Amino acid sequence: MQQIDQQLIPILEKVSDPEIPVLSIMEMGVVRSAFVHNNEVLVKITPTYSGCPAMDVIGDDIKSALQNAGFNATVELVLSPAWTTDWITKKGRQALEEYGIAPPLEANADKEALLENKRIVKCTNCGSTETQLVSQFGSTACKALFKCESCQEPFDYFKCLK
C-alpha cells in the first residue's frame, strides 16, 4: 500500500510516465512511498517491469518536480513487491483507454485474449470486441498489438501483470 505525505501528492501527480504521457506516475502506481523530513524527500518507486528503461527518466523527473517545489529529493528503486497492473488507478485505466491503449484485463481474461484468441479486448476507437491479436508485443514489451475487425484500426493493449 502506498504511504505518501499528503503535501507531496499534488507534486507527484504532475510527473508523467514518459512512455504514456497521459498517465501520472501516481496513476500508474509506481510510487510506493514518499516522505518529507527536514525538507528532504525520500521517494520509493517500483518499475513496471524489471529493467524498465523509463525508470531513470522517472527518477530525474521526480527530483526535478520536487526541487521546483522547494524540496531536495532522493529516489530509491524498490523491486519487491513487484509492480502489478492492479496498481493502475481507475482514473489511470480511463486515461489509457482515452489515449488509445486498451487497459489490462484481469489475469484469466488476459490469458484468454493473448493465448486463446478470445475476442474480449475492446477496441479503443469504436468499442467493438471484434478484435484480434496481431502480435504478443506492441510498441513496448508490456503491450500487445491488436486490430479491430469492425473499424480496421490497430491499437495497443496493456498486458496484465500480476
Protein backbone atom coordinates (compact mmCIF):
# COMPACT_ATOMS: atom_id res chain seq x y z
CA MET A 1 0.00 0.00 0.00
CA GLN A 2 1.20 3.50 -0.81
CA GLN A 3 2.36 5.72 2.05
CA ILE A 4 2.72 9.27 0.82
CA ASP A 5 2.88 12.57 2.66
CA GLN A 6 -0.25 14.48 1.61
CA GLN A 7 1.71 17.61 0.66
CA LEU A 8 3.65 15.61 -1.96
CA ILE A 9 0.65 14.12 -3.77
CA PRO A 10 -0.14 17.17 -5.96
CA ILE A 11 3.53 17.41 -6.98
CA LEU A 12 3.88 13.71 -7.82
CA GLU A 13 0.55 13.72 -9.71
CA LYS A 14 2.14 16.14 -12.19
CA VAL A 15 5.01 13.76 -13.04
CA SER A 16 4.08 11.88 -16.21
CA ASP A 17 5.03 8.38 -17.24
CA PRO A 18 7.49 9.05 -20.11
CA GLU A 19 6.16 6.15 -22.19
CA ILE A 20 2.49 7.03 -21.65
CA PRO A 21 2.43 10.80 -21.07
CA VAL A 22 -1.31 10.94 -20.30
CA LEU A 23 -0.66 8.98 -17.09
CA SER A 24 0.99 10.28 -13.98
CA ILE A 25 3.33 8.07 -12.01
CA MET A 26 0.67 8.12 -9.29
CA GLU A 27 -1.98 6.79 -11.69
CA MET A 28 0.46 4.08 -12.85
CA GLY A 29 1.03 3.11 -9.22
CA VAL A 30 4.83 3.18 -9.40
CA VAL A 31 5.20 5.45 -6.33
CA ARG A 32 5.34 3.20 -3.28
CA SER A 33 6.11 5.83 -0.66
CA ALA A 34 7.18 9.46 -0.31
CA PHE A 35 8.11 11.16 2.95
CA VAL A 36 9.38 14.59 3.94
CA HIS A 37 11.88 15.05 6.77
CA ASN A 38 13.58 18.43 7.26
CA ASN A 39 12.80 19.48 3.68
CA GLU A 40 14.39 16.26 2.38
CA VAL A 41 12.12 13.90 0.48
CA LEU A 42 12.64 10.18 0.01
CA VAL A 43 10.55 8.71 -2.79
CA LYS A 44 10.44 4.96 -3.37
CA ILE A 45 9.34 3.75 -6.80
CA THR A 46 8.74 0.32 -8.29
CA PRO A 47 9.36 -0.30 -12.00
CA THR A 48 6.50 -1.67 -14.09
CA TYR A 49 8.87 -4.46 -15.05
CA SER A 50 12.46 -5.30 -14.18
CA GLY A 51 14.81 -3.35 -16.40
CA CYS A 52 12.20 -0.78 -17.47
CA PRO A 53 14.18 1.90 -19.33
CA ALA A 54 11.83 4.67 -18.18
CA MET A 55 12.81 4.44 -14.50
CA ASP A 56 15.87 6.69 -14.81
CA VAL A 57 13.78 9.35 -16.53
CA ILE A 58 11.02 8.99 -13.93
CA GLY A 59 13.57 9.38 -11.12
CA ASP A 60 15.02 12.52 -12.71
CA ASP A 61 11.52 13.93 -13.31
CA ILE A 62 10.56 13.31 -9.66
CA LYS A 63 13.69 15.06 -8.41
CA SER A 64 13.08 18.00 -10.75
CA ALA A 65 9.41 18.37 -9.75
CA LEU A 66 10.25 18.24 -6.06
CA GLN A 67 13.18 20.66 -6.48
CA ASN A 68 10.83 23.11 -8.26
CA ALA A 69 8.55 22.83 -5.22
CA GLY A 70 11.45 23.65 -2.85
CA PHE A 71 12.45 20.16 -1.74
CA ASN A 72 15.64 18.14 -2.04
CA ALA A 73 14.82 14.61 -3.13
CA THR A 74 16.29 11.16 -3.22
CA VAL A 75 14.64 8.48 -5.34
CA GLU A 76 15.09 4.84 -4.45
CA LEU A 77 14.15 1.88 -6.65
CA VAL A 78 12.21 -0.86 -4.84
CA LEU A 79 11.82 -4.21 -6.62
CA SER A 80 9.71 -6.07 -4.07
CA PRO A 81 6.85 -6.44 -4.11
CA ALA A 82 6.85 -6.47 -7.89
CA TRP A 83 4.60 -3.95 -9.64
CA THR A 84 1.26 -5.25 -10.86
CA THR A 85 -1.32 -3.78 -13.22
CA ASP A 86 -3.69 -3.88 -10.23
CA TRP A 87 -1.84 -0.76 -9.06
CA ILE A 88 -3.06 1.29 -12.04
CA THR A 89 -5.81 3.53 -10.69
CA LYS A 90 -9.33 3.71 -12.10
CA LYS A 91 -8.52 7.19 -13.42
CA GLY A 92 -5.35 5.77 -14.99
CA ARG A 93 -7.29 3.00 -16.72
CA GLN A 94 -9.72 5.54 -18.16
CA ALA A 95 -6.82 7.72 -19.34
CA LEU A 96 -5.21 4.72 -21.05
CA GLU A 97 -8.38 3.94 -22.97
CA GLU A 98 -8.93 7.58 -23.98
CA TYR A 99 -5.31 7.69 -25.19
CA GLY A 100 -5.88 4.64 -27.39
CA ILE A 101 -4.40 1.86 -25.24
CA ALA A 102 -6.80 -0.82 -24.04
CA PRO A 103 -6.40 -1.16 -20.25
CA PRO A 104 -5.39 -4.51 -18.77
CA LEU A 105 -8.00 -7.18 -18.22
CA GLU A 106 -8.00 -9.49 -15.22
CA ALA A 107 -5.32 -12.22 -15.28
CA ASN A 108 -7.56 -15.06 -16.55
CA ALA A 109 -9.16 -12.88 -19.22
CA ASP A 110 -5.71 -11.60 -20.25
CA LYS A 111 -4.54 -15.18 -20.87
CA GLU A 112 -7.71 -15.94 -22.84
CA ALA A 113 -7.15 -12.87 -25.03
CA LEU A 114 -3.43 -13.43 -25.57
CA LEU A 115 -3.23 -17.24 -25.73
CA GLU A 116 -6.67 -18.45 -26.78
CA ASN A 117 -7.55 -15.56 -29.12
CA LYS A 118 -10.85 -14.87 -27.36
CA ARG A 119 -12.47 -11.66 -28.56
CA ILE A 120 -12.66 -9.80 -25.26
CA VAL A 121 -10.25 -6.89 -25.73
CA LYS A 122 -12.32 -3.81 -26.52
CA CYS A 123 -11.26 -1.53 -29.38
CA THR A 124 -10.28 1.89 -28.05
CA ASN A 125 -11.57 3.54 -31.22
CA CYS A 126 -15.08 2.10 -31.70
CA GLY A 127 -15.67 -0.07 -28.61
CA SER A 128 -16.14 -3.34 -30.52
CA THR A 129 -14.84 -6.61 -29.12
CA GLU A 130 -14.48 -7.95 -32.68
CA THR A 131 -10.72 -7.62 -32.25
CA GLN A 132 -7.84 -9.92 -32.99
CA LEU A 133 -4.34 -10.30 -31.64
CA VAL A 134 -1.74 -9.22 -34.20
CA SER A 135 1.36 -9.59 -32.03
CA GLN A 136 2.08 -10.53 -28.40
CA PHE A 137 4.34 -7.47 -28.33
CA GLY A 138 3.24 -3.96 -29.20
CA SER A 139 5.03 -0.64 -29.01
CA THR A 140 6.69 -1.75 -25.74
CA ALA A 141 7.18 -5.13 -24.07
CA CYS A 142 4.28 -4.50 -21.68
CA LYS A 143 1.78 -4.11 -24.53
CA ALA A 144 0.32 -6.39 -27.21
CA LEU A 145 -0.84 -5.23 -30.64
CA PHE A 146 -4.46 -5.79 -31.61
CA LYS A 147 -6.54 -4.87 -34.65
CA CYS A 148 -10.25 -4.13 -34.68
CA GLU A 149 -12.16 -6.00 -37.36
CA SER A 150 -15.07 -3.54 -37.15
CA CYS A 151 -13.22 -0.26 -37.75
CA GLN A 152 -9.94 -1.78 -39.01
CA GLU A 153 -7.85 0.30 -36.59
CA PRO A 154 -4.78 -1.13 -34.81
CA PHE A 155 -4.35 -0.42 -31.11
CA ASP A 156 -2.18 -1.44 -28.16
CA TYR A 157 -3.45 -3.50 -25.24
CA PHE A 158 -1.66 -3.10 -21.89
CA LYS A 159 -0.96 -6.68 -20.79
CA CYS A 160 -1.95 -7.78 -17.31
CA LEU A 161 1.00 -8.27 -14.95
CA LYS A 162 0.48 -9.90 -11.57
